[in-house]
Amino acid sequence: MRRLITALLVLGMLAAFSATLKAEVQNVRLGGDIRTRMYYTKNLYSVDQEDDQDDFFFRQRTRVSAEADLTDQIWVVSTVEADGVWGQQVVKQDATGYTKERNEWDVNVAEAYIQLSEIVYSRWTAKLGRQYLNYGRGFLISSREWEYKFDCWRNILDFFPWTIDLFYSRLVESDRAAMGGGIVKAADDEDLFGLNLNYQADYWTLEGYVFGKRDQFGEDYGDAKQAPIAVGIRFDASPVEAFDIWGEFAYELGKYQSTTMAEDESMRAFGFDLGAVYVFDVAWQPAIALSYTYGSGDKGEDAANPDQKTFDPLFNYNYYGYAYSPKLSNIGILNAQLSVLPSEAVAFIIDFYYYTQSKDRAMPMGNEDMDNGGVSAKTNGEDKALGMELDAILEYDYTEDVSLQLVGAWFKPGKAYDLPTNDEDPDDVVEIRAQVLASF
C-alpha cells in the first residue's frame, strides 16, 4: 500500500509538472532532414601518379530538430545530427598496412541555443549556445550545408535600416594534462569574435565587418598557430531589374607562427570576391553570371621578409568547382555560369572555372574541410597554371519536401601539376555526385 501511494504521488507530480510545461510552451515544432549522397570519383587522390584510382561510396546525414516558443520573446532550438558512410566496416590505411575497423556514425548536437528577443523592451536580440553563423555570401563565415557550428554568444541590435551584429565564440577549449611534473593546459584556447554592420536600402546592401581569431603565442605545443584579424567591406546591388552585382574585400592582419619559428610574425594578406548576374526575361529564364574570387599567397617563409601573405578563408564553405574543391588561399578563380529553368521544378546549370596560383609555390590546393577534400596532390612550385574545370548540375524538386540533384564535374590539371619525375601528363579528375534531400 505504501509503494502504491508513493507511485500515485509521483505520477501526480509528473502530471502537474507536465501541465505547467504545457502552459509555458506556446508552440513546439519538430522537423529535420535526411540527405543521402552517392559519390564516384576518379583520380581525385592520384593526379600525380601513374596508376588511375577511383572511389565509390554513399554518405548520409540526418538531422532532427525541435523548436519551441516558451513566450513571445523566448525561443529555444535543439538539433541532433548523425553523419556517416554506408557500411558496417571501412578499410583504413596506416603504418602497418590496410586494416578494417567498424564504421561508427558521428552523432552530435548541431544546434542548441536560446534566443531572447526584445530584451528589456529594446531592439536587442541575444542567441546563446551552439548555432550556425553566416554573413553575406559566406566569403569568410558560412552556414552552407550546415557544416560549421559555433558555440557562441550572439547579439543583434536592429535599428532598421541599420543592423549591428556582435558575437563571441569559443573554438577550442583545451583540457589540462600532466606535463613537466605538473598539471598545465595541454594547448592554447582559441576564440572567434566578430562585429558586423549592415545597412539595407531598397536596391542595395552595404556591410562592414571585423572578424578575428584569438590564439596565444610564445609557448611551444608543437602546432602551427594562426590568429588572423579580417577587416572587410561587402556590397550587393540591383541597379536595374534582373541585374545583380556584388563585391567583397577583406584585408587580414594579426599573427602567425609555424612549428619552425621561434617567435610569431605578422600577417599581411587579402582576398576579394566580385561578380554579376543577369536574368533574361524570356522562356526558361536563362541567367548568365561571371565572377572572380581571389585569395593572396606567398612563396613561403622568408627570413628577410617574414610577413605571411597567404589568405586565411576562415570558415568559407563555398564550392569553387566540385571536383577540384580548392581552398581560397594563394589562388585566383574565374567562374562563368549559365543556368536555365525549363520548369518550376527543374534547374540546369553549367559552371566553368579557371584556376591560377597567386604565387608559384609547391603546396596542396585542395580544401580538406569540403566533403570530398579536393585534389590532394602538391603543385610543382614552378608554374601558376592550376587548370580548369567544367561542372554540369541538374536539380529537380520532386515534391515540396523532396529534392534531387545530379552533379558531373571534370577537372583538367594545368602545368602546375607537371612533375619532372613523370613524363606523362597529370591525370584528369572526374566526380559524379547524386543527392536526395528530404525535409520534414
Foldseek 3Di string as FASTA:
>chain_A
DVVVVVVVVVVVVVVVVVVVQVVQWPDKDKKWKKKKKWKKKKCLAPLQHPDIDIDIWMKMKIKIKMWIDRDPFKIWIWMKMKIWTPDQWDWDQDPVGIDIDGTGIDIDILWTWMWGQCVVVAQKIKIAAKDADADDPQQQGHCPVNQDIFRKIWIWGDPPLKIKIWMKTWDDDFDWDDDPNDIDTLAWTKMKIKIKIWGDDDFKIKMWMKIWMDTDDQDQNPAKDDIKIKTKMKMWGDPDPQKIWIKMKIWIWDWIDGNPDNGIDIETEMKMKIKMKGFDPDAQGKMKMKMKIATAADQDADPVDRHGHWGDSNHRADALFPAQAFDRTQKMKIKIKIKTHNDPFKIKMKIKIWMWGNAQYWAAGFQCSYPVRGRGHTFPSPGGGQWMKMKIKMKGDPDPFKIKIKMKMKTDGDNRSDDPVDPDRGDIMIMIMIMMMGID
